[in-house]
C-alpha cells in the first residue's frame, strides 16, 4: 500500500477510513429504532409509555380480498324516494342561499 506524503492527503485518508464505520453505526441506530425490542425497555430510556395498550397475542388476519361482502340489509331508495330527497336538498340549498343574501355573505 502506498503511503501519502502530503499531510492533507493523510487527513483525507484517515477521514475516509473513519467515515465508513461511522455511517454503519448511524444506520444501525435507525434500524434498531424500528425493532420491537424497544417495547420492553423502561420509559425513561425510550420505551413505551405506561398507558400503552398491550399487543394482541394473535396477529389479526388480513382481510380476504376476493370474498364478496354480505348482502345489504337496507333497501335501496326507490325513484320516488330519491326525487323526494333531492327536492328536500334543493329546498335547503335555496333557503341557505336566501339567508346568505339577506346577511350579505357570499354564496
Protein backbone atom coordinates (compact mmCIF):
# COMPACT_ATOMS: atom_id res chain seq x y z
CA UNK A 1 0.00 0.00 0.00
CA UNK A 2 1.23 3.44 -0.85
CA UNK A 3 1.50 5.98 1.93
CA UNK A 4 0.55 9.57 1.16
CA UNK A 5 3.31 12.11 1.59
CA UNK A 6 1.16 15.19 1.87
CA UNK A 7 -0.40 15.96 5.29
CA UNK A 8 -3.72 16.91 3.64
CA UNK A 9 -3.83 13.50 1.96
CA UNK A 10 -3.11 11.80 5.29
CA UNK A 11 -6.04 13.61 6.89
CA UNK A 12 -8.27 12.70 3.97
CA UNK A 13 -7.32 9.01 4.21
CA UNK A 14 -7.98 8.97 7.95
CA UNK A 15 -11.31 10.69 7.41
CA UNK A 16 -12.35 8.17 4.78
CA UNK A 17 -11.35 5.26 6.98
CA UNK A 18 -13.42 6.74 9.83
CA UNK A 19 -16.43 7.69 7.68
CA UNK A 20 -17.40 4.14 6.69
CA UNK A 21 -17.78 2.72 10.21
CA UNK A 22 -19.44 5.95 11.37
CA UNK A 23 -22.10 5.63 8.66
CA UNK A 24 -22.60 1.96 9.52
CA UNK A 25 -23.17 2.86 13.20
CA UNK A 26 -25.59 5.63 12.28
CA UNK A 27 -27.51 3.25 10.02
CA UNK A 28 -27.72 0.63 12.73
CA UNK A 29 -29.25 3.19 15.10
CA UNK A 30 -32.07 3.78 12.61
CA UNK A 31 -32.61 0.04 12.16
CA UNK A 32 -32.73 -0.58 15.90
CA UNK A 33 -35.34 2.18 16.24
CA UNK A 34 -37.71 0.06 14.13
CA UNK A 35 -37.38 -3.08 16.23
CA UNK A 36 -39.95 -4.33 18.71
CA UNK A 37 -37.32 -4.88 21.40
CA UNK A 38 -37.80 -1.27 22.48
CA UNK A 39 -41.25 -2.10 23.85
CA UNK A 40 -39.65 -3.91 26.80
CA UNK A 41 -37.27 -1.03 27.60
CA UNK A 42 -38.23 1.24 30.54
CA UNK A 43 -39.98 4.51 29.68
CA UNK A 44 -37.08 6.61 30.96
CA UNK A 45 -34.75 5.04 28.40
CA UNK A 46 -37.14 5.40 25.48
CA UNK A 47 -39.61 2.54 25.89
CA UNK A 48 -43.36 2.68 25.50
CA UNK A 49 -45.38 4.90 27.89
CA UNK A 50 -47.27 3.37 30.81
CA UNK A 51 -50.77 3.76 29.26
CA UNK A 52 -49.95 1.96 26.03
CA UNK A 53 -52.31 -0.99 25.33
CA UNK A 54 -50.78 -4.45 25.13
CA UNK A 55 -50.19 -6.03 21.74
CA UNK A 56 -52.66 -8.76 20.78
CA UNK A 57 -51.45 -12.29 21.40
CA UNK A 58 -52.60 -13.41 17.95
CA UNK A 59 -51.98 -11.19 14.97
CA UNK A 60 -55.20 -10.37 13.10
CA UNK A 61 -55.76 -11.98 9.73
CA UNK A 62 -55.57 -9.97 6.57
CA UNK A 63 -58.96 -9.28 5.02
CA UNK A 64 -59.97 -11.71 2.32
CA UNK A 65 -59.70 -9.67 -0.86
CA UNK A 66 -61.62 -11.98 -3.18
CA UNK A 67 -64.59 -12.65 -0.93
CA UNK A 68 -67.81 -10.81 -1.66
CA UNK A 69 -69.30 -8.66 1.10
CA UNK A 70 -72.53 -9.84 2.72
CA UNK A 71 -75.77 -8.66 1.09
CA UNK A 72 -77.13 -5.32 2.22
CA UNK A 73 -79.78 -5.29 4.90
CA UNK A 74 -81.07 -1.82 4.00
CA UNK A 75 -83.21 -1.45 0.90
CA UNK A 76 -82.15 0.84 -1.93
CA UNK A 77 -84.24 4.01 -2.34
CA UNK A 78 -86.99 3.90 -4.89
CA UNK A 79 -87.18 6.52 -7.63
CA UNK A 80 -89.95 8.33 -5.76
CA UNK A 81 -87.86 8.46 -2.56
CA UNK A 82 -84.82 9.69 -4.50
CA UNK A 83 -86.87 12.54 -6.05
CA UNK A 84 -88.25 13.46 -2.62
CA UNK A 85 -84.76 13.60 -1.06
CA UNK A 86 -83.39 15.62 -3.98
CA UNK A 87 -86.27 18.09 -3.66
CA UNK A 88 -85.61 18.49 0.08
CA UNK A 89 -81.91 19.09 -0.57
CA UNK A 90 -82.68 21.65 -3.29
CA UNK A 91 -85.09 23.44 -0.94
CA UNK A 92 -82.46 23.54 1.84
CA UNK A 93 -79.84 24.83 -0.59
CA UNK A 94 -82.18 27.58 -1.80
CA UNK A 95 -83.02 28.54 1.81
CA UNK A 96 -79.33 28.78 2.71
CA UNK A 97 -78.64 30.91 -0.37
CA UNK A 98 -81.54 33.19 0.57
CA UNK A 99 -80.19 33.56 4.13
CA UNK A 100 -76.69 34.28 2.83
CA UNK A 101 -78.01 37.06 0.58
CA UNK A 102 -80.02 38.54 3.48
CA UNK A 103 -76.93 38.73 5.71
CA UNK A 104 -74.64 39.88 2.88
CA UNK A 105 -72.40 36.82 2.91
CA UNK A 106 -71.06 35.45 -0.39
CA UNK A 107 -72.80 32.35 -1.70
